N, C-alpha and C. Protein backbone atom coordinates (compact mmCIF):
# COMPACT_ATOMS: atom_id res chain seq x y z
N MET A 1 -4.74 -65.03 13.29
CA MET A 1 -5.59 -65.71 12.35
C MET A 1 -7.06 -65.32 12.53
N LYS A 2 -7.45 -65.06 13.77
CA LYS A 2 -8.83 -64.71 14.05
C LYS A 2 -9.28 -63.45 13.30
N PRO A 3 -8.45 -62.39 13.23
CA PRO A 3 -8.88 -61.20 12.48
C PRO A 3 -9.11 -61.50 11.00
N VAL A 4 -8.29 -62.36 10.43
CA VAL A 4 -8.46 -62.72 9.02
C VAL A 4 -9.79 -63.45 8.83
N PHE A 5 -10.08 -64.38 9.72
CA PHE A 5 -11.33 -65.14 9.66
C PHE A 5 -12.53 -64.21 9.81
N GLU A 6 -12.47 -63.32 10.77
CA GLU A 6 -13.59 -62.39 11.00
C GLU A 6 -13.80 -61.47 9.80
N LYS A 7 -12.70 -61.01 9.19
CA LYS A 7 -12.80 -60.14 8.01
C LYS A 7 -13.43 -60.91 6.85
N ALA A 8 -13.07 -62.16 6.69
CA ALA A 8 -13.64 -62.99 5.63
C ALA A 8 -15.14 -63.15 5.84
N LEU A 9 -15.55 -63.36 7.07
CA LEU A 9 -16.98 -63.48 7.35
C LEU A 9 -17.72 -62.18 7.06
N GLU A 10 -17.09 -61.05 7.39
CA GLU A 10 -17.71 -59.75 7.10
C GLU A 10 -17.91 -59.56 5.60
N ARG A 11 -17.02 -60.11 4.80
CA ARG A 11 -17.09 -59.95 3.35
C ARG A 11 -18.01 -60.98 2.69
N GLY A 12 -18.63 -61.82 3.49
CA GLY A 12 -19.60 -62.75 2.94
C GLY A 12 -19.15 -64.18 2.83
N LEU A 13 -17.93 -64.52 3.26
CA LEU A 13 -17.47 -65.89 3.21
C LEU A 13 -18.28 -66.75 4.16
N ASN A 14 -18.76 -67.84 3.68
CA ASN A 14 -19.56 -68.75 4.49
C ASN A 14 -18.93 -70.14 4.40
N LEU A 15 -18.23 -70.55 5.45
CA LEU A 15 -17.51 -71.81 5.42
C LEU A 15 -18.41 -73.03 5.59
N TRP A 16 -19.65 -72.82 5.98
CA TRP A 16 -20.51 -73.96 6.26
C TRP A 16 -21.54 -74.21 5.18
N ASP A 17 -21.64 -73.32 4.23
CA ASP A 17 -22.64 -73.46 3.18
C ASP A 17 -21.95 -73.43 1.83
N THR A 18 -21.86 -74.56 1.16
CA THR A 18 -21.19 -74.59 -0.13
C THR A 18 -22.01 -73.91 -1.21
N ALA A 19 -23.22 -73.47 -0.89
CA ALA A 19 -24.04 -72.77 -1.87
C ALA A 19 -23.53 -71.35 -2.09
N ALA A 20 -22.74 -70.82 -1.18
CA ALA A 20 -22.23 -69.46 -1.33
C ALA A 20 -20.84 -69.35 -0.72
N VAL A 21 -19.85 -69.89 -1.41
CA VAL A 21 -18.49 -69.88 -0.88
C VAL A 21 -17.90 -68.49 -0.95
N TYR A 22 -18.08 -67.80 -2.07
CA TYR A 22 -17.56 -66.46 -2.22
C TYR A 22 -18.69 -65.47 -2.03
N GLY A 23 -18.36 -64.31 -1.52
CA GLY A 23 -19.36 -63.29 -1.22
C GLY A 23 -20.21 -62.90 -2.42
N GLU A 24 -21.46 -62.66 -2.15
CA GLU A 24 -22.38 -62.19 -3.20
C GLU A 24 -21.90 -60.85 -3.74
N GLY A 25 -21.99 -60.65 -5.03
CA GLY A 25 -21.63 -59.39 -5.63
C GLY A 25 -20.14 -59.17 -5.83
N THR A 26 -19.32 -60.18 -5.56
CA THR A 26 -17.89 -60.06 -5.79
C THR A 26 -17.54 -60.72 -7.11
N GLY A 27 -16.43 -60.37 -7.68
CA GLY A 27 -15.99 -60.99 -8.93
C GLY A 27 -15.83 -62.49 -8.80
N ARG A 28 -15.22 -62.92 -7.71
CA ARG A 28 -15.04 -64.35 -7.50
C ARG A 28 -16.37 -65.05 -7.30
N GLY A 29 -17.25 -64.40 -6.57
CA GLY A 29 -18.57 -64.98 -6.35
C GLY A 29 -19.31 -65.19 -7.66
N GLU A 30 -19.26 -64.21 -8.53
CA GLU A 30 -19.93 -64.32 -9.82
C GLU A 30 -19.27 -65.38 -10.70
N ALA A 31 -17.95 -65.54 -10.57
CA ALA A 31 -17.23 -66.51 -11.40
C ALA A 31 -17.39 -67.94 -10.89
N TYR A 32 -17.33 -68.15 -9.58
CA TYR A 32 -17.26 -69.52 -9.05
C TYR A 32 -18.55 -70.05 -8.46
N ASN A 33 -19.35 -69.21 -7.82
CA ASN A 33 -20.55 -69.72 -7.16
C ASN A 33 -21.48 -70.51 -8.09
N PRO A 34 -21.67 -70.10 -9.36
CA PRO A 34 -22.54 -70.89 -10.23
C PRO A 34 -22.02 -72.31 -10.52
N HIS A 35 -20.73 -72.54 -10.27
CA HIS A 35 -20.12 -73.83 -10.60
C HIS A 35 -19.82 -74.69 -9.38
N LEU A 36 -20.34 -74.31 -8.21
CA LEU A 36 -19.99 -75.04 -6.99
C LEU A 36 -20.43 -76.49 -7.01
N LYS A 37 -21.59 -76.78 -7.59
CA LYS A 37 -22.03 -78.18 -7.65
C LYS A 37 -21.07 -79.01 -8.47
N GLU A 38 -20.62 -78.47 -9.60
CA GLU A 38 -19.66 -79.18 -10.45
C GLU A 38 -18.33 -79.36 -9.72
N LEU A 39 -17.87 -78.31 -9.06
CA LEU A 39 -16.61 -78.40 -8.34
C LEU A 39 -16.69 -79.38 -7.19
N THR A 40 -17.83 -79.40 -6.50
CA THR A 40 -18.02 -80.34 -5.39
C THR A 40 -17.99 -81.77 -5.91
N ALA A 41 -18.63 -82.01 -7.05
CA ALA A 41 -18.62 -83.36 -7.64
C ALA A 41 -17.21 -83.76 -8.04
N LEU A 42 -16.44 -82.83 -8.59
CA LEU A 42 -15.05 -83.11 -8.97
C LEU A 42 -14.21 -83.44 -7.75
N ILE A 43 -14.36 -82.66 -6.70
CA ILE A 43 -13.59 -82.90 -5.47
C ILE A 43 -13.96 -84.25 -4.87
N ASP A 44 -15.24 -84.61 -4.91
CA ASP A 44 -15.67 -85.92 -4.41
C ASP A 44 -14.99 -87.05 -5.19
N GLU A 45 -14.87 -86.89 -6.51
CA GLU A 45 -14.19 -87.90 -7.33
C GLU A 45 -12.70 -87.96 -6.99
N LEU A 46 -12.09 -86.80 -6.79
CA LEU A 46 -10.67 -86.78 -6.41
C LEU A 46 -10.45 -87.46 -5.07
N LYS A 47 -11.39 -87.26 -4.14
CA LYS A 47 -11.30 -87.94 -2.84
C LYS A 47 -11.39 -89.45 -3.01
N LEU A 48 -12.32 -89.89 -3.85
CA LEU A 48 -12.51 -91.32 -4.09
C LEU A 48 -11.25 -91.95 -4.69
N ILE A 49 -10.68 -91.30 -5.68
CA ILE A 49 -9.43 -91.79 -6.28
C ILE A 49 -8.32 -91.79 -5.24
N GLY A 50 -8.27 -90.75 -4.44
CA GLY A 50 -7.24 -90.63 -3.42
C GLY A 50 -7.27 -91.75 -2.39
N THR A 51 -8.47 -92.25 -2.08
CA THR A 51 -8.55 -93.35 -1.10
C THR A 51 -7.86 -94.60 -1.63
N CYS A 52 -7.83 -94.78 -2.93
CA CYS A 52 -7.16 -95.95 -3.52
C CYS A 52 -5.64 -95.84 -3.42
N PHE A 53 -5.13 -94.64 -3.31
CA PHE A 53 -3.68 -94.42 -3.33
C PHE A 53 -3.18 -93.72 -2.07
N ASP A 54 -4.02 -93.62 -1.05
CA ASP A 54 -3.66 -92.93 0.19
C ASP A 54 -3.14 -91.52 -0.11
N ALA A 55 -3.91 -90.78 -0.91
CA ALA A 55 -3.52 -89.44 -1.34
C ALA A 55 -4.67 -88.47 -1.13
N SER A 56 -4.33 -87.22 -0.95
CA SER A 56 -5.35 -86.17 -0.79
C SER A 56 -5.88 -85.78 -2.17
N PRO A 57 -7.03 -85.11 -2.22
CA PRO A 57 -7.54 -84.63 -3.51
C PRO A 57 -6.52 -83.73 -4.22
N ALA A 58 -5.81 -82.92 -3.47
CA ALA A 58 -4.80 -82.03 -4.07
C ALA A 58 -3.66 -82.85 -4.69
N GLN A 59 -3.26 -83.92 -4.02
CA GLN A 59 -2.19 -84.77 -4.54
C GLN A 59 -2.63 -85.48 -5.82
N VAL A 60 -3.87 -85.92 -5.86
CA VAL A 60 -4.39 -86.58 -7.05
C VAL A 60 -4.42 -85.59 -8.22
N ALA A 61 -4.92 -84.40 -7.98
CA ALA A 61 -4.99 -83.38 -9.03
C ALA A 61 -3.59 -82.99 -9.52
N THR A 62 -2.65 -82.89 -8.60
CA THR A 62 -1.28 -82.55 -8.97
C THR A 62 -0.66 -83.65 -9.81
N ALA A 63 -0.86 -84.90 -9.40
CA ALA A 63 -0.32 -86.04 -10.16
C ALA A 63 -0.92 -86.07 -11.57
N TRP A 64 -2.21 -85.79 -11.68
CA TRP A 64 -2.86 -85.76 -12.99
C TRP A 64 -2.24 -84.68 -13.86
N ALA A 65 -2.05 -83.49 -13.29
CA ALA A 65 -1.49 -82.37 -14.07
C ALA A 65 -0.07 -82.68 -14.52
N ILE A 66 0.73 -83.27 -13.65
CA ILE A 66 2.11 -83.63 -14.01
C ILE A 66 2.09 -84.68 -15.12
N ALA A 67 1.26 -85.70 -14.97
CA ALA A 67 1.18 -86.75 -15.98
C ALA A 67 0.71 -86.19 -17.32
N LYS A 68 -0.22 -85.26 -17.29
CA LYS A 68 -0.74 -84.67 -18.53
C LYS A 68 0.38 -83.93 -19.27
N VAL A 69 1.19 -83.18 -18.55
CA VAL A 69 2.29 -82.44 -19.17
C VAL A 69 3.32 -83.43 -19.73
N GLN A 70 3.63 -84.46 -18.97
CA GLN A 70 4.62 -85.45 -19.43
C GLN A 70 4.13 -86.16 -20.68
N LEU A 71 2.86 -86.53 -20.73
CA LEU A 71 2.32 -87.20 -21.90
C LEU A 71 2.32 -86.27 -23.10
N ARG A 72 2.01 -85.01 -22.89
CA ARG A 72 2.01 -84.06 -24.00
C ARG A 72 3.41 -83.91 -24.55
N ASN A 73 4.42 -83.91 -23.68
CA ASN A 73 5.81 -83.76 -24.12
C ASN A 73 6.29 -85.00 -24.87
N VAL A 74 5.78 -86.17 -24.54
CA VAL A 74 6.15 -87.42 -25.22
C VAL A 74 5.62 -87.41 -26.65
N ASN A 75 4.46 -86.83 -26.85
CA ASN A 75 3.83 -86.84 -28.16
C ASN A 75 4.42 -85.81 -29.13
N ARG A 76 5.37 -85.03 -28.70
CA ARG A 76 5.95 -84.00 -29.59
C ARG A 76 6.99 -84.57 -30.47
């Protein structure tokens, strides 16, 4: 695992600074870095909802996605 971590750091990954999650000058960096504040706010909301249901942010997002598909199928 250490070589993977070191390679990620060499490519510009910064795990401690949410201002630059993806390396500068990369496709992902150009796509996601400008939206980090929005994504951070969304994750904070998912965490808050998760505390009410003893669920992780990923579980809350998954439940929402499943419910959205089920509701769309009901309306057909």
